[in-house]
N, C-alpha and C. Protein backbone atom coordinates (compact mmCIF):
# COMPACT_ATOMS: atom_id res chain seq x y z
N UNK A 1 0.86 -16.57 11.87
CA UNK A 1 0.15 -15.84 10.83
C UNK A 1 -0.53 -16.83 9.89
N UNK A 2 -1.76 -16.56 9.54
CA UNK A 2 -2.53 -17.42 8.65
C UNK A 2 -1.99 -17.34 7.22
N UNK A 3 -2.24 -18.41 6.48
CA UNK A 3 -1.83 -18.43 5.07
C UNK A 3 -2.64 -17.40 4.30
N UNK A 4 -1.98 -16.69 3.39
CA UNK A 4 -2.65 -15.67 2.59
C UNK A 4 -3.76 -16.30 1.75
N UNK A 5 -4.88 -15.60 1.67
CA UNK A 5 -5.98 -16.05 0.84
C UNK A 5 -5.66 -15.88 -0.64
N UNK A 6 -4.64 -15.07 -0.93
CA UNK A 6 -4.27 -14.81 -2.32
C UNK A 6 -3.24 -15.78 -2.88
N UNK A 7 -2.57 -16.51 -2.01
CA UNK A 7 -1.41 -17.30 -2.42
C UNK A 7 -1.78 -18.29 -3.52
N UNK A 8 -1.02 -18.21 -4.61
CA UNK A 8 -1.14 -19.18 -5.69
C UNK A 8 0.13 -19.12 -6.53
N UNK A 9 0.39 -20.12 -7.35
CA UNK A 9 1.65 -20.19 -8.10
C UNK A 9 1.89 -19.01 -9.04
N UNK A 10 0.85 -18.48 -9.65
CA UNK A 10 1.03 -17.36 -10.57
C UNK A 10 1.46 -16.11 -9.82
N UNK A 11 0.83 -15.85 -8.67
CA UNK A 11 1.26 -14.70 -7.86
C UNK A 11 2.67 -14.90 -7.32
N UNK A 12 3.00 -16.13 -6.94
CA UNK A 12 4.37 -16.42 -6.50
C UNK A 12 5.37 -16.04 -7.59
N UNK A 13 5.05 -16.42 -8.82
CA UNK A 13 5.94 -16.11 -9.94
C UNK A 13 6.03 -14.60 -10.18
N UNK A 14 4.89 -13.92 -10.11
CA UNK A 14 4.88 -12.46 -10.27
C UNK A 14 5.72 -11.80 -9.20
N UNK A 15 5.51 -12.19 -7.94
CA UNK A 15 6.26 -11.58 -6.84
C UNK A 15 7.74 -11.88 -6.95
N UNK A 16 8.09 -13.08 -7.38
CA UNK A 16 9.51 -13.40 -7.60
C UNK A 16 10.10 -12.50 -8.69
N UNK A 17 9.32 -12.20 -9.71
CA UNK A 17 9.80 -11.31 -10.77
C UNK A 17 10.04 -9.90 -10.25
N UNK A 18 9.22 -9.48 -9.28
CA UNK A 18 9.40 -8.14 -8.70
C UNK A 18 10.77 -7.99 -8.05
N UNK A 19 11.31 -9.06 -7.53
CA UNK A 19 12.59 -8.95 -6.82
C UNK A 19 13.74 -8.57 -7.76
N UNK A 20 13.52 -8.68 -9.05
CA UNK A 20 14.56 -8.32 -10.02
C UNK A 20 14.55 -6.84 -10.40
N UNK A 21 13.57 -6.09 -9.92
CA UNK A 21 13.40 -4.70 -10.32
C UNK A 21 14.04 -3.78 -9.29
N UNK A 22 14.95 -2.92 -9.75
CA UNK A 22 15.66 -2.04 -8.82
C UNK A 22 15.48 -0.56 -9.11
N UNK A 23 15.05 -0.20 -10.29
CA UNK A 23 14.97 1.23 -10.61
C UNK A 23 13.53 1.75 -10.51
N UNK A 24 13.41 2.98 -10.04
CA UNK A 24 12.10 3.61 -9.93
C UNK A 24 11.46 3.73 -11.33
N UNK A 25 12.27 4.01 -12.33
CA UNK A 25 11.77 4.12 -13.71
C UNK A 25 11.09 2.81 -14.14
N UNK A 26 11.72 1.69 -13.81
CA UNK A 26 11.13 0.39 -14.16
C UNK A 26 9.86 0.11 -13.36
N UNK A 27 9.82 0.54 -12.08
CA UNK A 27 8.61 0.35 -11.28
C UNK A 27 7.45 1.12 -11.88
N UNK A 28 7.71 2.34 -12.36
CA UNK A 28 6.64 3.11 -13.03
C UNK A 28 6.12 2.33 -14.24
N UNK A 29 7.01 1.78 -15.04
CA UNK A 29 6.60 1.01 -16.22
C UNK A 29 5.74 -0.18 -15.82
N UNK A 30 6.17 -0.90 -14.80
CA UNK A 30 5.44 -2.09 -14.36
C UNK A 30 4.05 -1.73 -13.86
N UNK A 31 3.98 -0.73 -12.97
CA UNK A 31 2.67 -0.38 -12.43
C UNK A 31 1.75 0.18 -13.51
N UNK A 32 2.28 0.94 -14.44
CA UNK A 32 1.42 1.48 -15.50
C UNK A 32 0.90 0.38 -16.41
N UNK A 33 1.64 -0.71 -16.56
CA UNK A 33 1.16 -1.83 -17.37
C UNK A 33 0.22 -2.75 -16.59
N UNK A 34 0.48 -2.95 -15.31
CA UNK A 34 -0.32 -3.89 -14.52
C UNK A 34 -1.62 -3.29 -13.99
N UNK A 35 -1.63 -2.00 -13.72
CA UNK A 35 -2.76 -1.36 -13.04
C UNK A 35 -3.32 -0.22 -13.88
N UNK A 36 -4.56 0.13 -13.59
CA UNK A 36 -5.10 1.34 -14.20
C UNK A 36 -4.51 2.55 -13.46
N UNK A 37 -4.59 3.69 -14.08
CA UNK A 37 -4.10 4.92 -13.43
C UNK A 37 -4.85 5.15 -12.12
N UNK A 38 -6.16 4.89 -12.11
CA UNK A 38 -6.95 5.07 -10.89
C UNK A 38 -6.51 4.11 -9.80
N UNK A 39 -6.21 2.87 -10.15
CA UNK A 39 -5.73 1.91 -9.14
C UNK A 39 -4.41 2.37 -8.52
N UNK A 40 -3.54 2.90 -9.34
CA UNK A 40 -2.26 3.41 -8.85
C UNK A 40 -2.49 4.60 -7.92
N UNK A 41 -3.36 5.51 -8.33
CA UNK A 41 -3.68 6.67 -7.49
C UNK A 41 -4.30 6.23 -6.17
N UNK A 42 -5.17 5.22 -6.21
CA UNK A 42 -5.80 4.72 -4.99
C UNK A 42 -4.77 4.10 -4.05
N UNK A 43 -3.83 3.33 -4.60
CA UNK A 43 -2.77 2.75 -3.76
C UNK A 43 -1.91 3.84 -3.14
N UNK A 44 -1.58 4.86 -3.93
CA UNK A 44 -0.77 5.97 -3.40
C UNK A 44 -1.51 6.70 -2.29
N UNK A 45 -2.81 6.89 -2.46
CA UNK A 45 -3.61 7.55 -1.42
C UNK A 45 -3.62 6.71 -0.14
N UNK A 46 -3.84 5.40 -0.28
CA UNK A 46 -3.86 4.54 0.90
C UNK A 46 -2.50 4.55 1.60
N UNK A 47 -1.42 4.58 0.84
CA UNK A 47 -0.09 4.65 1.44
C UNK A 47 0.09 5.97 2.19
N UNK A 48 -0.37 7.07 1.59
CA UNK A 48 -0.28 8.38 2.26
C UNK A 48 -1.10 8.38 3.55
N UNK A 49 -2.27 7.79 3.50
CA UNK A 49 -3.11 7.68 4.70
C UNK A 49 -2.38 6.85 5.76
N UNK A 50 -1.78 5.74 5.37
CA UNK A 50 -1.05 4.90 6.32
C UNK A 50 0.09 5.68 6.97
N UNK A 51 0.81 6.49 6.19
CA UNK A 51 1.89 7.30 6.76
C UNK A 51 1.34 8.26 7.81
N UNK A 52 0.23 8.90 7.51
CA UNK A 52 -0.33 9.88 8.43
C UNK A 52 -0.93 9.22 9.67
N UNK A 53 -1.55 8.06 9.51
CA UNK A 53 -2.02 7.32 10.67
C UNK A 53 -0.85 6.91 11.56
N UNK A 54 0.22 6.48 10.91
CA UNK A 54 1.42 6.08 11.64
C UNK A 54 2.03 7.25 12.42
N UNK A 55 1.81 8.46 11.92
CA UNK A 55 2.29 9.67 12.61
C UNK A 55 1.36 10.08 13.74
N UNK A 56 0.20 9.41 13.83
CA UNK A 56 -0.73 9.70 14.91
C UNK A 56 -1.75 10.78 14.61
N UNK A 57 -1.90 11.15 13.35
CA UNK A 57 -2.88 12.18 12.99
C UNK A 57 -4.30 11.63 13.08
N UNK A 58 -5.25 12.51 13.34
CA UNK A 58 -6.65 12.12 13.45
C UNK A 58 -7.25 11.88 12.07
N UNK A 59 -8.35 11.14 12.05
CA UNK A 59 -9.06 10.88 10.80
C UNK A 59 -9.44 12.20 10.13
N UNK A 60 -9.92 13.15 10.92
CA UNK A 60 -10.36 14.42 10.34
C UNK A 60 -9.21 15.15 9.67
N UNK A 61 -8.06 15.21 10.33
CA UNK A 61 -6.90 15.90 9.76
C UNK A 61 -6.43 15.17 8.51
N UNK A 62 -6.40 13.85 8.57
CA UNK A 62 -5.98 13.07 7.40
C UNK A 62 -6.91 13.32 6.23
N UNK A 63 -8.21 13.32 6.49
CA UNK A 63 -9.19 13.58 5.43
C UNK A 63 -8.99 14.97 4.83
N UNK A 64 -8.78 15.95 5.69
CA UNK A 64 -8.57 17.32 5.21
C UNK A 64 -7.28 17.43 4.37
N UNK A 65 -6.23 16.76 4.80
CA UNK A 65 -4.94 16.85 4.12
C UNK A 65 -4.88 16.04 2.83
N UNK A 66 -5.60 14.92 2.78
CA UNK A 66 -5.46 14.01 1.63
C UNK A 66 -6.69 13.93 0.74
N UNK A 67 -7.84 14.30 1.30
CA UNK A 67 -9.09 14.12 0.56
C UNK A 67 -9.65 12.71 0.68
N UNK A 68 -9.00 11.86 1.47
CA UNK A 68 -9.48 10.48 1.64
C UNK A 68 -10.78 10.47 2.43
N UNK A 69 -11.64 9.54 2.09
CA UNK A 69 -12.90 9.40 2.82
C UNK A 69 -12.64 8.73 4.16
N UNK A 70 -13.59 8.89 5.06
CA UNK A 70 -13.46 8.24 6.37
C UNK A 70 -13.44 6.71 6.21
N UNK A 71 -14.13 6.20 5.20
CA UNK A 71 -14.14 4.76 4.93
C UNK A 71 -12.74 4.29 4.55
N UNK A 72 -12.08 5.02 3.66
CA UNK A 72 -10.73 4.66 3.26
C UNK A 72 -9.78 4.71 4.45
N UNK A 73 -9.88 5.77 5.23
CA UNK A 73 -9.01 5.92 6.39
C UNK A 73 -9.25 4.78 7.37
N UNK A 74 -10.50 4.44 7.60
CA UNK A 74 -10.84 3.35 8.51
C UNK A 74 -10.29 2.01 8.03
N UNK A 75 -10.39 1.75 6.74
CA UNK A 75 -9.88 0.48 6.18
C UNK A 75 -8.37 0.39 6.33
N UNK A 76 -7.69 1.50 6.07
CA UNK A 76 -6.23 1.51 6.21
C UNK A 76 -5.86 1.32 7.68
N UNK A 77 -6.59 1.99 8.57
CA UNK A 77 -6.32 1.85 10.00
C UNK A 77 -6.51 0.40 10.45
N UNK A 78 -7.55 -0.23 9.95
CA UNK A 78 -7.81 -1.64 10.29
C UNK A 78 -6.66 -2.51 9.80
N UNK A 79 -6.20 -2.27 8.58
CA UNK A 79 -5.08 -3.05 8.04
C UNK A 79 -3.80 -2.82 8.84
N UNK A 80 -3.58 -1.58 9.26
CA UNK A 80 -2.40 -1.28 10.07
C UNK A 80 -2.46 -2.01 11.41
N UNK A 81 -3.63 -2.08 11.99
CA UNK A 81 -3.77 -2.69 13.30
C UNK A 81 -3.91 -4.19 13.30
N UNK A 82 -4.59 -4.72 12.29
CA UNK A 82 -4.95 -6.13 12.31
C UNK A 82 -4.62 -6.88 11.03
N UNK A 83 -3.97 -6.22 10.09
CA UNK A 83 -3.66 -6.85 8.81
C UNK A 83 -2.42 -7.73 8.86
N UNK A 84 -1.88 -7.99 7.72
CA UNK A 84 -0.73 -8.88 7.58
C UNK A 84 0.61 -8.18 7.80
N UNK A 85 0.59 -6.87 8.00
CA UNK A 85 1.83 -6.13 8.24
C UNK A 85 2.45 -5.52 7.00
N UNK A 86 1.71 -5.55 5.89
CA UNK A 86 2.24 -5.00 4.65
C UNK A 86 2.53 -3.51 4.71
N UNK A 87 1.60 -2.76 5.29
CA UNK A 87 1.86 -1.32 5.42
C UNK A 87 3.08 -1.08 6.29
N UNK A 88 3.20 -1.84 7.37
CA UNK A 88 4.34 -1.66 8.26
C UNK A 88 5.65 -1.93 7.55
N UNK A 89 5.66 -2.90 6.65
CA UNK A 89 6.87 -3.17 5.85
C UNK A 89 7.21 -1.95 4.99
N UNK A 90 6.19 -1.35 4.38
CA UNK A 90 6.42 -0.19 3.53
C UNK A 90 6.82 1.05 4.32
N UNK A 91 6.34 1.15 5.56
CA UNK A 91 6.59 2.34 6.36
C UNK A 91 7.91 2.31 7.11
N UNK A 92 8.58 1.16 7.13
CA UNK A 92 9.86 1.08 7.81
C UNK A 92 10.85 2.04 7.18
N UNK A 93 11.57 2.74 8.03
CA UNK A 93 12.60 3.67 7.56
C UNK A 93 13.80 2.90 7.06
N UNK A 94 14.32 3.32 5.94
CA UNK A 94 15.56 2.72 5.42
C UNK A 94 16.73 3.43 6.04
N UNK A 95 17.69 2.67 6.54
CA UNK A 95 18.88 3.26 7.17
C UNK A 95 19.94 3.61 6.15
């Protein structure tokens, strides 16, 4: 796997700080401070699209169910197929 284009010491420190967070309440606080409401909604939509793609649903059905554009669905599909595996990490079932 290639080195991330984002990797830098500040992001390393931020990501290390994330490992200390265990409660959903605290995650809401963090995301509301770090991101705009629209950015959070966009991430949630992309995650929902990834779940539906992972279930094998068609672009048309996903668009109808989520309101996502074909461009968004295509980008998520590309990341699922050829990305770094981030969506796959999020989609793994917890035992």
